[in-house]
Amino acid sequence: MSNLTPPRGVGAATRSLVRQVGLPVSILVVVTTVDLATGSSTVYYPFLLLAPTLAAATARPLAILVIGCVSLPLRYWLASQDGYLGPEYSNLFQVSTWMYVMATALAIYLSAARIHHERALVAVSEVAVAAQRAILLPPSDDLGGVRLAVRYFAVAEEAELGGDLYIALDTPFGVRVIIGDVLGKGLGAVRTAAITIGAFREAAYDEPELGTVARRIDTSVARNAPERFVTALLVEVRPEHVAFTHRGHEEPVAIRADGAVHVLEPPEPGLPLGLGDLDPEPPRPWVVPFREGDLLLLMTDGFADARDTSGRHYPLVERIRALFGEGRVTADPVLAVERLGDDLVRHIGVLRLADDALVLALARAPDPPDRPPGS
């Protein structure tokens, strides 16, 4: 049996053509029908000018030219039906015809300019998206005995990309992580995020103190992106506990193996990276217990800023307790970020996020079972 289903490409091309010329063609049909139906007592043919004019917003120049060429004889025919081609109307009809031709030419020019702008915008957007994806690489599932998972929600329109960032490294001093959010959007924010990650990557392998790592990043951001700053949280996983350096970022949340949920507020909140000159004594790292079965959630402010249709902010801590509290706790980072992300999507409903949102989950990998003798 032969397959009579048209190829997908044909269907897509048809839908594209309808989107481009559907409204102008409808105008031609409606104006012609109304003009003929009302007789010579009323004149509607001047409204044919709307067809090529409105087509500039959707159609390509060639399609507008075709619409204009079809409309010219149609105008002449309708004018003759209405009795407006007599000597007393000759000058008026000629002037309106020239106006129609000039309007069609202007519509063709505007259509070409629109298409050129759209193509340039798409090119810039593709570059920006590629740059952001290079920054937000997925972490390894198991890094130095730490299991990680991330979920990222972007609200980028065109080239307005956000500046959320993260990276996890297995260094001689333990697994080190940074999560942050750059002030502003667009390519400038992506560039600042790349500067921050590059500085962290260099310092994390060299500096034994987490506070010194933060100071080096602060210097790099202030030198290379002085117009921006970065809220950040630096994390270092050590045996039995985890150390944090706070630089103006959202507080982390720890979920214990027994289901207890703790917001880890910094004893010494710090200024964002790039503003270190305003704080002569940057905050020292603080430590909290972190054992097998515990789960650590690091988030950007896009979660707390999310609103539902009634304008209510996403109750982050409340929802974490409901999702991961006693009896519902999970030490699986992948399951944790999926569960929290799905809950955020349900909260906002049909709305869009006000800002990019990122959640990074960490848990200790379980110790491997003892190998049997002789294996």
Protein backbone atom coordinates (compact mmCIF):
# COMPACT_ATOMS: atom_id res chain seq x y z
CA MET A 1 0.00 0.00 0.00
CA SER A 2 1.40 3.38 -0.96
CA ASN A 3 1.96 5.99 1.71
CA LEU A 4 -0.11 9.09 0.90
CA THR A 5 0.98 11.06 3.96
CA PRO A 6 2.86 14.21 2.84
CA PRO A 7 6.40 14.63 4.11
CA ARG A 8 6.84 16.66 7.27
CA GLY A 9 8.78 19.27 5.33
CA VAL A 10 5.79 19.92 3.07
CA GLY A 11 3.46 20.39 6.03
CA ALA A 12 5.86 22.75 7.76
CA ALA A 13 6.30 24.80 4.58
CA THR A 14 2.52 25.04 4.16
CA ARG A 15 2.03 26.23 7.74
CA SER A 16 4.79 28.80 7.29
CA LEU A 17 3.18 30.13 4.12
CA VAL A 18 -0.20 30.40 5.83
CA ARG A 19 1.35 32.35 8.72
CA GLN A 20 3.01 34.74 6.26
CA VAL A 21 0.15 35.54 3.88
CA GLY A 22 -2.94 34.32 5.69
CA LEU A 23 -3.95 37.75 7.00
CA PRO A 24 -3.21 39.74 3.79
CA VAL A 25 -5.06 37.25 1.61
CA SER A 26 -8.00 37.29 4.04
CA ILE A 27 -8.11 41.08 3.74
CA LEU A 28 -8.23 40.86 -0.05
CA VAL A 29 -11.08 38.35 0.07
CA VAL A 30 -13.10 40.21 2.72
CA VAL A 31 -12.74 43.64 1.12
CA THR A 32 -13.67 42.27 -2.32
CA THR A 33 -16.68 40.40 -0.96
CA VAL A 34 -18.01 43.34 1.04
CA ASP A 35 -17.46 45.79 -1.81
CA LEU A 36 -19.35 43.65 -4.29
CA ALA A 37 -22.11 42.81 -1.81
CA THR A 38 -22.87 46.45 -0.96
CA GLY A 39 -23.01 47.63 -4.58
CA SER A 40 -21.95 50.98 -5.92
CA SER A 41 -23.48 52.90 -3.02
CA THR A 42 -20.37 52.27 -0.89
CA VAL A 43 -16.67 52.16 -1.74
CA TYR A 44 -14.36 49.71 0.01
CA TYR A 45 -11.56 49.13 -2.51
CA PRO A 46 -9.18 51.67 -0.80
CA PHE A 47 -9.03 49.25 2.14
CA LEU A 48 -7.07 46.86 -0.08
CA LEU A 49 -4.06 48.96 0.98
CA LEU A 50 -4.14 47.08 4.30
CA ALA A 51 -3.07 43.83 2.63
CA PRO A 52 0.53 44.70 1.62
CA THR A 53 0.94 47.05 4.59
CA LEU A 54 0.14 44.43 7.23
CA ALA A 55 2.06 41.79 5.30
CA ALA A 56 5.29 43.61 6.17
CA ALA A 57 5.00 42.19 9.71
CA THR A 58 4.87 38.54 8.65
CA ALA A 59 5.59 37.95 4.97
CA ARG A 60 8.77 37.93 2.93
CA PRO A 61 9.43 40.66 0.32
CA LEU A 62 8.57 38.38 -2.61
CA ALA A 63 5.21 37.48 -1.07
CA ILE A 64 4.42 41.18 -0.54
CA LEU A 65 5.33 41.92 -4.15
CA VAL A 66 2.94 39.18 -5.32
CA ILE A 67 0.17 40.53 -3.07
CA GLY A 68 0.74 44.02 -4.44
CA CYS A 69 0.68 42.84 -8.05
CA VAL A 70 -2.56 40.94 -7.45
CA SER A 71 -4.16 43.88 -5.65
CA LEU A 72 -3.54 46.46 -8.39
CA PRO A 73 -5.85 44.90 -11.03
CA LEU A 74 -8.27 43.99 -8.24
CA ARG A 75 -8.45 47.68 -7.23
CA TYR A 76 -9.09 48.67 -10.83
CA TRP A 77 -11.88 46.11 -11.21
CA LEU A 78 -13.60 47.08 -7.93
CA ALA A 79 -13.34 50.77 -8.79
CA SER A 80 -14.98 50.08 -12.14
CA GLN A 81 -17.77 48.15 -10.41
CA ASP A 82 -18.33 51.10 -8.09
CA GLY A 83 -18.31 53.62 -10.93
CA TYR A 84 -15.16 55.41 -9.81
CA LEU A 85 -13.25 55.33 -13.09
CA GLY A 86 -15.15 58.18 -14.71
CA PRO A 87 -13.45 61.47 -15.70
CA GLU A 88 -14.54 63.19 -12.50
CA TYR A 89 -12.65 60.56 -10.41
CA SER A 90 -9.65 60.00 -12.67
CA ASN A 91 -7.16 62.19 -10.81
CA LEU A 92 -8.23 60.86 -7.41
CA PHE A 93 -7.89 57.25 -8.57
CA GLN A 94 -4.42 57.88 -10.04
CA VAL A 95 -3.18 59.53 -6.85
CA SER A 96 -4.53 56.68 -4.70
CA THR A 97 -2.93 54.14 -7.04
CA TRP A 98 0.49 55.78 -6.72
CA MET A 99 0.05 55.87 -2.96
CA TYR A 100 -0.75 52.17 -3.09
CA VAL A 101 2.41 51.44 -5.11
CA MET A 102 4.60 53.45 -2.73
CA ALA A 103 3.03 51.78 0.32
CA THR A 104 3.72 48.37 -1.20
CA ALA A 105 7.35 49.33 -1.88
CA LEU A 106 7.74 50.56 1.70
CA ALA A 107 6.24 47.30 3.00
CA ILE A 108 8.77 45.33 0.93
CA TYR A 109 11.63 47.39 2.41
CA LEU A 110 10.35 46.97 5.97
CA SER A 111 9.97 43.23 5.44
CA ALA A 112 13.57 42.92 4.23
CA ALA A 113 14.82 44.98 7.21
CA ARG A 114 12.81 42.82 9.61
CA ILE A 115 14.22 39.59 8.20
CA HIS A 116 17.79 40.97 8.38
CA HIS A 117 17.27 41.94 12.03
CA GLU A 118 15.76 38.55 12.88
CA ARG A 119 18.68 36.69 11.33
CA ALA A 120 21.22 38.83 13.18
CA LEU A 121 19.34 38.28 16.44
CA VAL A 122 19.23 34.52 15.90
CA ALA A 123 22.98 34.49 15.25
CA VAL A 124 23.71 36.44 18.43
CA SER A 125 21.35 34.25 20.42
CA GLU A 126 22.99 31.06 19.14
CA VAL A 127 26.42 32.35 20.12
CA ALA A 128 25.17 33.33 23.56
CA VAL A 129 23.44 29.99 24.14
CA ALA A 130 26.58 28.11 23.06
CA ALA A 131 28.67 30.19 25.46
CA GLN A 132 26.30 29.56 28.33
CA ARG A 133 26.18 25.83 27.64
CA ALA A 134 29.97 25.76 27.70
CA ILE A 135 29.80 27.24 31.19
CA LEU A 136 26.97 25.08 32.54
CA LEU A 137 28.51 21.71 31.76
CA PRO A 138 26.84 18.77 33.52
CA PRO A 139 28.86 17.62 36.55
CA SER A 140 30.23 14.11 36.93
CA ASP A 141 27.84 11.75 38.68
CA ASP A 142 30.56 10.79 41.16
CA LEU A 143 33.38 13.22 41.84
CA GLY A 144 35.91 12.31 44.49
CA GLY A 145 33.41 10.32 46.51
CA VAL A 146 30.66 12.95 46.14
CA ARG A 147 27.55 12.40 44.03
CA LEU A 148 26.25 15.47 42.23
CA ALA A 149 23.26 16.43 40.10
CA VAL A 150 22.07 19.74 38.69
CA ARG A 151 18.89 21.11 37.16
CA TYR A 152 18.80 24.45 35.40
CA PHE A 153 15.81 26.54 34.30
CA ALA A 154 16.60 29.31 31.81
CA VAL A 155 14.23 32.18 31.07
CA ALA A 156 16.37 33.54 28.23
CA GLU A 157 14.47 35.45 25.58
CA GLU A 158 16.47 36.03 22.42
CA ALA A 159 19.99 36.89 23.65
CA GLU A 160 18.97 37.84 27.20
CA LEU A 161 20.79 35.00 28.92
CA GLY A 162 21.22 34.84 32.64
CA GLY A 163 24.43 34.62 34.60
CA ASP A 164 23.88 31.56 36.79
CA LEU A 165 27.04 29.48 37.14
CA TYR A 166 28.46 26.44 38.87
CA ILE A 167 31.39 24.07 38.67
CA ALA A 168 32.62 21.18 40.79
CA LEU A 169 36.27 20.10 40.91
CA ASP A 170 38.12 17.22 42.58
CA THR A 171 41.15 19.03 44.02
CA PRO A 172 44.01 17.99 46.33
CA PHE A 173 42.02 19.63 49.13
CA GLY A 174 38.79 17.78 48.49
CA VAL A 175 35.83 18.31 46.21
CA ARG A 176 35.30 22.03 45.76
CA VAL A 177 32.18 23.62 44.31
CA ILE A 178 31.12 27.12 43.42
CA ILE A 179 27.57 28.22 42.62
CA GLY A 180 26.82 31.82 41.76
CA ASP A 181 24.71 34.39 39.98
CA VAL A 182 26.09 37.32 38.00
CA LEU A 183 24.42 40.71 38.19
CA GLY A 184 22.57 41.40 34.93
CA LYS A 185 21.85 39.39 31.80
CA GLY A 186 23.10 38.93 28.26
CA LEU A 187 26.54 38.21 26.86
CA GLY A 188 28.16 40.44 29.49
CA ALA A 189 26.78 38.24 32.26
CA VAL A 190 27.94 35.09 30.44
CA ARG A 191 31.42 36.60 30.06
CA THR A 192 31.57 37.45 33.78
CA ALA A 193 30.43 33.93 34.63
CA ALA A 194 33.25 32.53 32.48
CA ILE A 195 35.76 34.80 34.27
CA THR A 196 34.48 33.61 37.65
CA ILE A 197 34.67 29.94 36.74
CA GLY A 198 38.12 30.34 35.21
CA ALA A 199 39.45 32.04 38.35
CA PHE A 200 37.89 29.37 40.56
CA ARG A 201 39.36 26.59 38.45
CA GLU A 202 42.86 28.06 38.84
CA ALA A 203 42.65 28.91 42.53
CA ALA A 204 40.83 25.79 43.69
CA TYR A 205 43.78 23.55 42.78
CA ASP A 206 46.43 25.87 44.25
CA GLU A 207 45.09 27.40 47.46
CA PRO A 208 44.67 25.25 50.57
CA GLU A 209 42.28 27.76 52.21
CA LEU A 210 38.79 28.22 50.81
CA GLY A 211 38.77 31.86 51.85
CA THR A 212 41.88 32.49 49.77
CA VAL A 213 40.16 30.93 46.76
CA ALA A 214 37.32 33.40 47.19
CA ARG A 215 39.72 36.34 47.43
CA ARG A 216 41.47 35.36 44.21
CA ILE A 217 38.15 35.13 42.38
CA ASP A 218 37.13 38.46 43.86
CA THR A 219 40.28 40.09 42.49
CA SER A 220 39.78 38.56 39.04
CA VAL A 221 36.16 39.72 38.79
CA ALA A 222 37.00 43.23 39.99
CA ARG A 223 39.85 43.48 37.46
CA ASN A 224 38.20 41.96 34.40
CA ALA A 225 34.51 42.82 34.91
CA PRO A 226 34.45 45.95 37.10
CA GLU A 227 30.90 46.84 36.07
CA ARG A 228 29.45 43.63 37.54
CA PHE A 229 29.52 41.53 40.67
CA VAL A 230 28.75 37.88 41.45
CA THR A 231 26.83 36.48 44.40
CA ALA A 232 28.46 33.14 45.16
CA LEU A 233 28.77 30.29 47.59
CA LEU A 234 31.99 28.25 47.74
CA VAL A 235 31.83 24.73 49.11
CA GLU A 236 34.54 22.28 50.14
CA VAL A 237 33.60 18.70 51.05
CA ARG A 238 35.84 17.30 53.79
CA PRO A 239 35.70 14.06 55.79
CA GLU A 240 32.59 14.13 58.00
CA HIS A 241 31.75 17.80 57.29
CA VAL A 242 31.52 20.46 54.62
CA ALA A 243 32.99 23.98 54.64
CA PHE A 244 31.34 27.07 53.13
CA THR A 245 32.46 30.56 52.20
CA HIS A 246 29.55 32.93 51.76
CA ARG A 247 29.73 35.79 49.28
CA GLY A 248 26.24 37.22 49.16
CA HIS A 249 24.48 34.11 47.85
CA GLU A 250 21.37 32.14 48.80
CA GLU A 251 21.84 30.02 51.92
CA PRO A 252 22.34 26.28 51.34
CA VAL A 253 19.87 23.76 52.74
CA ALA A 254 20.94 20.51 54.40
CA ILE A 255 18.61 17.52 54.62
CA ARG A 256 19.76 15.02 57.20
CA ALA A 257 19.40 11.28 56.93
CA ASP A 258 16.57 11.41 59.52
CA GLY A 259 14.59 13.94 57.43
CA ALA A 260 15.50 17.06 59.40
CA VAL A 261 15.80 20.14 57.17
CA HIS A 262 18.25 22.91 58.12
CA VAL A 263 18.82 26.25 56.40
CA LEU A 264 22.56 26.82 56.82
CA GLU A 265 22.78 30.53 57.56
CA PRO A 266 26.34 31.93 57.44
CA PRO A 267 27.66 33.27 60.74
CA GLU A 268 29.57 35.92 58.75
CA PRO A 269 27.73 36.91 55.56
CA GLY A 270 30.08 38.23 52.89
CA LEU A 271 29.85 40.71 50.07
CA PRO A 272 29.51 39.47 46.48
CA LEU A 273 32.62 38.69 44.47
CA GLY A 274 33.90 41.82 42.78
CA LEU A 275 33.10 44.02 45.79
CA GLY A 276 35.86 42.72 48.04
CA ASP A 277 37.50 46.14 48.31
CA LEU A 278 34.50 47.25 50.38
CA ASP A 279 35.15 44.55 52.96
CA PRO A 280 38.72 44.65 54.37
CA GLU A 281 38.06 41.49 56.43
CA PRO A 282 36.25 38.95 54.25
CA PRO A 283 34.25 36.23 56.04
CA ARG A 284 35.94 33.08 57.19
CA PRO A 285 34.65 29.66 56.11
CA TRP A 286 32.25 27.87 58.42
CA VAL A 287 31.69 24.12 58.68
CA VAL A 288 28.68 21.87 59.26
CA PRO A 289 28.39 18.09 59.53
CA PHE A 290 27.92 16.21 56.28
CA ARG A 291 27.70 12.44 56.50
CA GLU A 292 26.51 9.57 54.36
CA GLY A 293 22.75 9.78 53.94
CA ASP A 294 22.73 13.59 54.15
CA LEU A 295 21.76 15.72 51.16
CA LEU A 296 22.95 19.26 50.45
CA LEU A 297 20.97 21.61 48.18
CA LEU A 298 22.57 24.71 46.66
CA MET A 299 20.29 27.09 44.75
CA THR A 300 20.29 30.43 42.97
CA ASP A 301 17.70 33.09 43.77
CA GLY A 302 15.54 32.15 40.79
CA PHE A 303 13.78 29.62 43.04
CA ALA A 304 12.91 32.11 45.76
CA ASP A 305 11.88 34.76 43.20
CA ALA A 306 9.48 32.48 41.30
CA ARG A 307 5.81 33.47 41.59
CA ASP A 308 2.57 31.69 40.88
CA THR A 309 -0.45 33.17 39.07
CA SER A 310 -1.58 34.93 42.27
CA GLY A 311 1.83 36.59 42.75
CA ARG A 312 2.86 34.38 45.67
CA HIS A 313 6.59 33.62 45.91
CA TYR A 314 7.73 30.01 45.81
CA PRO A 315 8.00 28.95 49.50
CA LEU A 316 11.37 27.26 49.04
CA VAL A 317 12.11 26.00 52.56
CA GLU A 318 8.50 25.03 53.16
CA ARG A 319 8.42 23.00 49.95
CA ILE A 320 11.77 21.34 50.70
CA ARG A 321 10.37 20.19 54.05
CA ALA A 322 7.24 18.88 52.33
CA LEU A 323 9.21 17.09 49.61
CA PHE A 324 12.13 15.75 51.62
CA GLY A 325 10.99 15.75 55.24
CA GLU A 326 10.68 12.77 57.53
CA GLY A 327 9.53 9.72 55.59
CA ARG A 328 10.26 11.33 52.23
CA VAL A 329 13.99 11.94 52.46
CA THR A 330 16.20 10.84 49.59
CA ALA A 331 19.98 10.89 49.38
CA ASP A 332 19.85 10.52 45.60
CA PRO A 333 20.91 13.90 44.10
CA VAL A 334 19.35 13.13 40.70
CA LEU A 335 15.98 12.33 42.22
CA ALA A 336 16.24 15.35 44.52
CA VAL A 337 16.80 17.95 41.76
CA GLU A 338 14.09 16.38 39.60
CA ARG A 339 11.58 16.41 42.47
CA LEU A 340 12.35 20.01 43.45
CA GLY A 341 12.39 21.21 39.84
CA ASP A 342 9.05 19.57 39.05
CA ASP A 343 7.55 21.19 42.14
CA LEU A 344 8.78 24.61 41.00
CA VAL A 345 7.19 24.09 37.57
CA ARG A 346 3.88 23.18 39.21
CA HIS A 347 4.05 26.32 41.36
CA ILE A 348 4.51 28.81 38.54
CA GLY A 349 1.93 27.10 36.34
CA VAL A 350 1.51 28.85 33.00
CA LEU A 351 3.79 31.75 33.96
CA ARG A 352 7.47 32.18 33.20
CA LEU A 353 10.22 32.39 35.77
CA ALA A 354 11.33 35.92 36.64
CA ASP A 355 14.98 34.84 36.68
CA ASP A 356 17.10 31.84 35.82
CA ALA A 357 16.93 29.14 38.47
CA LEU A 358 19.56 26.52 39.27
CA VAL A 359 19.68 23.79 41.90
CA LEU A 360 22.73 21.66 42.63
CA ALA A 361 22.45 18.64 44.94
CA LEU A 362 25.37 16.89 46.68
CA ALA A 363 25.52 13.66 48.65
CA ARG A 364 28.32 11.39 49.76
CA ALA A 365 28.76 8.32 47.61
CA PRO A 366 28.27 5.14 49.66
CA ASP A 367 31.39 3.20 50.48
CA PRO A 368 31.95 0.32 48.06
CA PRO A 369 31.30 -3.14 49.50
CA ASP A 370 34.30 -5.11 50.71
CA ARG A 371 35.81 -7.24 47.97
CA PRO A 372 35.80 -10.97 48.75
CA PRO A 373 39.20 -12.58 49.31
CA GLY A 374 40.97 -13.63 46.16
CA SER A 375 38.88 -11.40 43.88
